[in-house]
N, C-alpha and C. Protein backbone atom coordinates (compact mmCIF):
# COMPACT_ATOMS: atom_id res chain seq x y z
N MET A 1 33.95 -0.41 36.08
CA MET A 1 32.74 -0.90 36.94
C MET A 1 31.63 -1.80 36.00
N ALA A 2 31.68 -2.62 36.73
CA ALA A 2 30.58 -3.47 36.12
C ALA A 2 29.08 -3.27 36.79
N THR A 3 28.34 -3.81 35.63
CA THR A 3 26.84 -3.03 35.59
C THR A 3 25.77 -4.24 35.54
N ASP A 4 25.17 -4.63 37.01
CA ASP A 4 24.37 -5.85 36.70
C ASP A 4 22.83 -5.41 36.06
N TYR A 5 22.86 -6.09 34.77
CA TYR A 5 21.60 -5.32 34.20
C TYR A 5 20.10 -5.78 34.16
N ASP A 6 20.38 -7.05 35.37
CA ASP A 6 19.36 -7.79 35.77
C ASP A 6 18.54 -7.01 37.32
N ALA A 7 19.40 -6.05 37.41
CA ALA A 7 18.82 -5.34 39.09
C ALA A 7 17.90 -4.62 38.75
N PRO A 8 16.94 -4.24 39.55
CA PRO A 8 15.52 -3.54 39.00
C PRO A 8 16.36 -2.32 39.17
N ARG A 9 15.70 -1.34 38.14
CA ARG A 9 16.03 0.09 38.03
C ARG A 9 14.79 0.75 38.74
N LYS A 10 14.97 1.84 39.59
CA LYS A 10 13.98 2.69 40.06
C LYS A 10 14.61 4.22 40.08
N THR A 11 13.40 4.84 39.25
CA THR A 11 13.74 6.28 39.23
C THR A 11 12.27 7.22 39.85
N GLU A 12 12.93 8.80 39.92
CA GLU A 12 11.51 9.24 40.21
C GLU A 12 10.12 9.04 39.36
N ASP A 13 10.20 8.89 38.21
CA ASP A 13 9.50 8.51 37.50
C ASP A 13 8.27 7.04 37.54
N ASP A 14 8.93 6.43 38.47
CA ASP A 14 8.27 5.03 38.67
C ASP A 14 7.32 5.07 40.08
N SER A 15 7.32 6.53 40.65
CA SER A 15 6.34 6.40 41.77
C SER A 15 5.04 6.33 41.45
N GLU A 16 4.80 6.60 40.25
CA GLU A 16 3.15 6.68 39.64
C GLU A 16 2.54 5.16 39.72
N SER A 17 1.11 5.38 40.49
CA SER A 17 0.51 3.72 40.71
C SER A 17 0.17 3.26 39.55
N ILE A 18 -0.33 1.88 39.36
CA ILE A 18 -0.89 1.57 38.03
C ILE A 18 -2.17 2.23 37.88
N GLU A 19 -3.17 2.83 39.00
CA GLU A 19 -4.38 3.41 38.85
C GLU A 19 -4.13 4.69 37.99
N ALA A 20 -3.30 5.42 38.71
CA ALA A 20 -3.14 6.98 37.80
C ALA A 20 -2.30 6.75 36.51
N LEU A 21 -1.92 5.56 36.05
CA LEU A 21 -1.81 5.36 34.52
C LEU A 21 -3.03 5.05 33.76
N LYS A 22 -3.65 4.22 34.12
CA LYS A 22 -5.10 3.92 34.08
C LYS A 22 -5.24 4.84 33.73
N GLU A 23 -5.62 6.12 34.59
CA GLU A 23 -6.70 7.07 34.45
C GLU A 23 -6.20 7.70 33.31
N ARG A 24 -5.07 8.06 32.79
CA ARG A 24 -4.45 8.75 31.84
C ARG A 24 -4.64 8.19 30.20
N VAL A 25 -4.33 6.64 30.03
CA VAL A 25 -4.73 5.91 28.88
C VAL A 25 -6.33 6.10 28.82
N PRO A 26 -6.80 6.25 27.67
CA PRO A 26 -8.28 5.97 27.52
C PRO A 26 -8.61 4.50 27.19
N ASP A 27 -9.72 4.20 27.60
CA ASP A 27 -9.93 2.90 27.89
C ASP A 27 -10.61 2.37 26.32
N LYS A 28 -9.70 1.44 25.44
CA LYS A 28 -10.11 1.15 23.75
C LYS A 28 -11.02 -0.05 24.18
N LEU A 29 -11.56 -0.28 25.48
CA LEU A 29 -12.65 -0.98 25.17
C LEU A 29 -13.87 -0.45 25.51
N SER A 30 -13.67 0.86 25.60
CA SER A 30 -15.37 1.36 25.99
C SER A 30 -15.87 2.04 24.87
N GLY A 31 -17.26 2.24 24.87
CA GLY A 31 -17.95 2.51 23.75
C GLY A 31 -17.86 3.51 22.72
N ASN A 32 -17.06 4.23 23.05
CA ASN A 32 -16.99 5.50 22.44
C ASN A 32 -16.25 5.13 21.25
N VAL A 33 -16.94 5.60 20.28
CA VAL A 33 -16.67 5.65 18.93
C VAL A 33 -15.82 6.88 18.21
N ASP A 34 -14.86 6.71 17.52
CA ASP A 34 -14.15 8.16 16.87
C ASP A 34 -14.71 8.04 15.38
N VAL A 35 -15.63 8.83 15.20
CA VAL A 35 -16.18 8.95 13.88
C VAL A 35 -15.33 9.73 12.70
N GLU A 36 -14.13 10.07 12.88
CA GLU A 36 -13.19 10.91 12.28
C GLU A 36 -12.42 9.91 11.38
N ASP A 37 -12.76 10.09 10.30
CA ASP A 37 -12.12 9.10 8.86
C ASP A 37 -10.72 9.33 9.13
N ALA A 38 -10.20 8.01 9.71
CA ALA A 38 -8.36 7.87 9.71
C ALA A 38 -7.99 8.29 8.58
N ASP A 39 -8.30 8.08 6.89
CA ASP A 39 -7.47 8.60 5.99
C ASP A 39 -7.49 9.91 5.72
N ASN A 40 -8.26 10.56 6.29
CA ASN A 40 -8.89 12.15 6.03
C ASN A 40 -8.90 12.93 7.13
N PRO A 41 -7.87 12.99 8.50
CA PRO A 41 -8.11 13.36 9.84
C PRO A 41 -8.71 15.15 9.81
N SER A 42 -8.09 15.50 8.87
CA SER A 42 -8.44 16.78 9.20
C SER A 42 -9.85 17.23 8.49
N GLY A 43 -10.42 16.28 7.97
CA GLY A 43 -11.53 16.07 7.21
C GLY A 43 -12.20 17.26 6.05
N PHE A 44 -10.88 17.71 5.28
CA PHE A 44 -11.37 18.63 4.33
C PHE A 44 -11.16 18.29 2.93
N GLU A 45 -11.73 19.05 1.86
CA GLU A 45 -11.84 18.25 0.76
C GLU A 45 -10.68 18.80 -0.18
N LEU A 46 -9.86 18.04 -1.07
CA LEU A 46 -9.06 18.22 -1.56
C LEU A 46 -9.47 19.31 -2.83
N PRO A 47 -8.95 20.46 -3.26
CA PRO A 47 -9.74 20.67 -5.25
C PRO A 47 -9.28 20.00 -5.99
N GLY A 48 -10.40 20.00 -6.42
CA GLY A 48 -10.33 19.35 -7.74
C GLY A 48 -10.30 17.63 -7.81
N ALA A 49 -11.10 17.05 -6.64
CA ALA A 49 -11.35 15.87 -6.10
C ALA A 49 -12.10 15.17 -7.16
N ASP A 50 -12.91 15.82 -7.46
CA ASP A 50 -14.46 15.38 -8.10
C ASP A 50 -13.95 15.43 -9.58
N LEU A 51 -13.58 14.42 -9.81
CA LEU A 51 -13.08 13.96 -11.67
C LEU A 51 -13.60 13.37 -12.67
N SER A 52 -15.31 13.35 -12.23
CA SER A 52 -16.29 12.49 -12.73
C SER A 52 -16.44 13.52 -14.02
N ASP A 53 -16.54 14.27 -14.54
CA ASP A 53 -16.72 15.18 -15.49
C ASP A 53 -15.45 15.60 -16.45
N VAL A 54 -14.25 14.65 -16.09
CA VAL A 54 -13.25 15.02 -17.07
C VAL A 54 -13.07 14.08 -17.68
N GLU A 55 -13.08 14.67 -18.91
CA GLU A 55 -12.58 13.27 -20.39
C GLU A 55 -10.88 13.67 -20.45
N LEU A 56 -10.31 12.18 -20.87
CA LEU A 56 -9.01 11.93 -21.18
C LEU A 56 -8.97 11.69 -22.37
N ASP A 57 -7.87 12.56 -23.15
CA ASP A 57 -7.51 12.44 -24.17
C ASP A 57 -6.01 11.66 -24.56
N VAL A 58 -6.52 10.33 -24.99
CA VAL A 58 -5.31 9.22 -24.54
C VAL A 58 -4.93 8.97 -26.55
N VAL A 59 -4.26 8.86 -27.06
CA VAL A 59 -3.64 8.22 -27.98
C VAL A 59 -3.27 6.51 -28.27
N VAL A 60 -4.21 5.94 -28.60
CA VAL A 60 -3.85 4.30 -28.38
C VAL A 60 -3.56 3.87 -29.51
N LEU A 61 -1.73 3.76 -29.87
CA LEU A 61 -1.43 3.06 -30.97
C LEU A 61 -1.69 1.81 -31.19
N PRO A 62 -1.66 1.30 -32.21
CA PRO A 62 -1.73 -0.36 -32.34
C PRO A 62 -0.67 -0.94 -31.99
N PRO A 63 -0.33 -2.27 -32.12
CA PRO A 63 1.24 -2.83 -32.28
C PRO A 63 1.72 -2.41 -33.26
N GLN A 64 3.24 -2.38 -32.72
CA GLN A 64 4.19 -1.69 -34.43
C GLN A 64 4.48 -3.14 -34.91
N ALA A 65 4.82 -2.94 -35.92
CA ALA A 65 5.71 -4.17 -36.64
C ALA A 65 6.84 -5.25 -35.70
N ASP A 66 7.26 -4.57 -34.72
CA ASP A 66 8.10 -4.99 -33.87
C ASP A 66 7.77 -5.50 -32.29
N GLU A 67 6.27 -5.57 -32.69
CA GLU A 67 6.05 -5.88 -30.99
C GLU A 67 4.95 -6.82 -31.28
N PHE A 68 4.41 -7.39 -30.31
CA PHE A 68 3.27 -8.53 -30.22
C PHE A 68 2.88 -8.47 -29.04
N THR A 69 1.74 -9.03 -28.80
CA THR A 69 0.92 -9.22 -27.71
C THR A 69 1.12 -10.62 -27.09
N CYS A 70 1.24 -10.59 -25.91
CA CYS A 70 1.26 -11.97 -25.38
C CYS A 70 0.43 -12.42 -24.94
N VAL A 71 -0.23 -13.66 -25.48
CA VAL A 71 -1.73 -14.42 -25.06
C VAL A 71 -2.03 -14.52 -23.66
N SER A 72 -0.97 -14.76 -22.79
CA SER A 72 -0.90 -15.26 -21.50
C SER A 72 -0.88 -14.06 -20.67
N CYS A 73 -0.33 -13.06 -20.55
CA CYS A 73 -0.29 -11.79 -19.75
C CYS A 73 -0.91 -10.54 -20.45
N PHE A 74 -1.20 -10.49 -22.02
CA PHE A 74 -1.82 -9.46 -22.39
C PHE A 74 -1.18 -8.07 -22.65
N LEU A 75 0.22 -8.11 -22.66
CA LEU A 75 0.74 -7.25 -22.75
C LEU A 75 1.71 -7.14 -23.96
N VAL A 76 1.82 -5.84 -24.63
CA VAL A 76 2.29 -5.54 -25.89
C VAL A 76 4.02 -5.60 -25.48
N LYS A 77 5.11 -6.39 -26.07
CA LYS A 77 6.25 -6.57 -26.05
C LYS A 77 6.85 -6.71 -27.24
N HIS A 78 8.04 -6.37 -26.91
CA HIS A 78 9.26 -6.12 -28.17
C HIS A 78 8.90 -7.44 -28.67
N ARG A 79 9.44 -8.14 -30.09
CA ARG A 79 9.70 -9.03 -30.69
C ARG A 79 10.49 -9.93 -30.11
N SER A 80 11.65 -9.25 -29.31
CA SER A 80 12.87 -10.00 -28.60
C SER A 80 12.16 -10.55 -27.59
N GLN A 81 11.25 -10.63 -26.89
CA GLN A 81 10.81 -11.28 -25.93
C GLN A 81 9.53 -12.46 -26.00
N ILE A 82 9.92 -12.74 -27.22
CA ILE A 82 9.03 -14.12 -27.35
C ILE A 82 9.86 -15.41 -27.24
N ASP A 83 9.22 -15.82 -26.61
CA ASP A 83 9.81 -17.45 -25.88
C ASP A 83 9.46 -18.39 -26.77
N HIS A 84 8.20 -18.53 -27.33
CA HIS A 84 7.70 -19.53 -28.04
C HIS A 84 6.13 -18.94 -28.49
N GLN A 85 5.93 -19.78 -29.32
CA GLN A 85 4.47 -20.13 -30.26
C GLN A 85 3.65 -21.32 -29.99
N SER A 86 2.64 -20.62 -29.06
CA SER A 86 1.61 -21.60 -28.64
C SER A 86 0.69 -21.61 -29.70
N LYS A 87 -0.26 -22.58 -29.70
CA LYS A 87 -1.70 -22.84 -30.27
C LYS A 87 -2.58 -21.59 -30.68
N LEU A 88 -2.65 -20.70 -29.49
CA LEU A 88 -2.92 -19.53 -29.47
C LEU A 88 -2.23 -18.16 -30.06
N GLY A 89 -1.12 -18.25 -29.82
CA GLY A 89 -0.30 -17.15 -30.51
C GLY A 89 1.14 -17.17 -29.22
N PRO A 90 1.61 -15.77 -29.45
CA PRO A 90 2.67 -15.79 -28.74
C PRO A 90 2.96 -15.73 -27.72
N ILE A 91 3.81 -16.10 -26.45
CA ILE A 91 3.93 -16.36 -25.30
C ILE A 91 5.07 -15.81 -25.07
N CYS A 92 5.01 -14.60 -24.09
CA CYS A 92 6.42 -14.12 -23.96
C CYS A 92 7.51 -14.64 -22.77
N VAL A 93 8.69 -14.26 -22.63
CA VAL A 93 9.82 -14.79 -21.61
C VAL A 93 9.33 -14.74 -20.49
N GLU A 94 8.56 -13.87 -19.66
CA GLU A 94 8.06 -13.89 -18.26
C GLU A 94 6.85 -15.16 -18.39
N CYS A 95 6.32 -15.24 -19.14
CA CYS A 95 4.91 -16.01 -18.82
C CYS A 95 5.26 -17.66 -18.92
N ALA A 96 6.47 -17.53 -19.96
CA ALA A 96 6.81 -19.22 -20.00
C ALA A 96 7.61 -19.50 -18.88
N ALA A 97 8.32 -18.50 -18.47
CA ALA A 97 9.04 -19.00 -17.00
C ALA A 97 8.20 -19.38 -15.65
């Protein structure tokens, strides 16, 4: 059986008028402003969210003998990543590309 996809489709749900549909959908151009925060819709604070008084203990190691700091991206990389030596210092393979 062939189906005519261009023919208009009518169901029982199509009987609503455009005015009835407009009443159900809120007007987006009205002056009502939603003051609820979109990122935090429930408005609650997470426990431990204030980290202003927390100090982090981090051990920073200097560059090792087999590492270098790229003068372009300032990342510490392994010596196998050196592309060339410039006037300012070593350049890594990624920055040279």
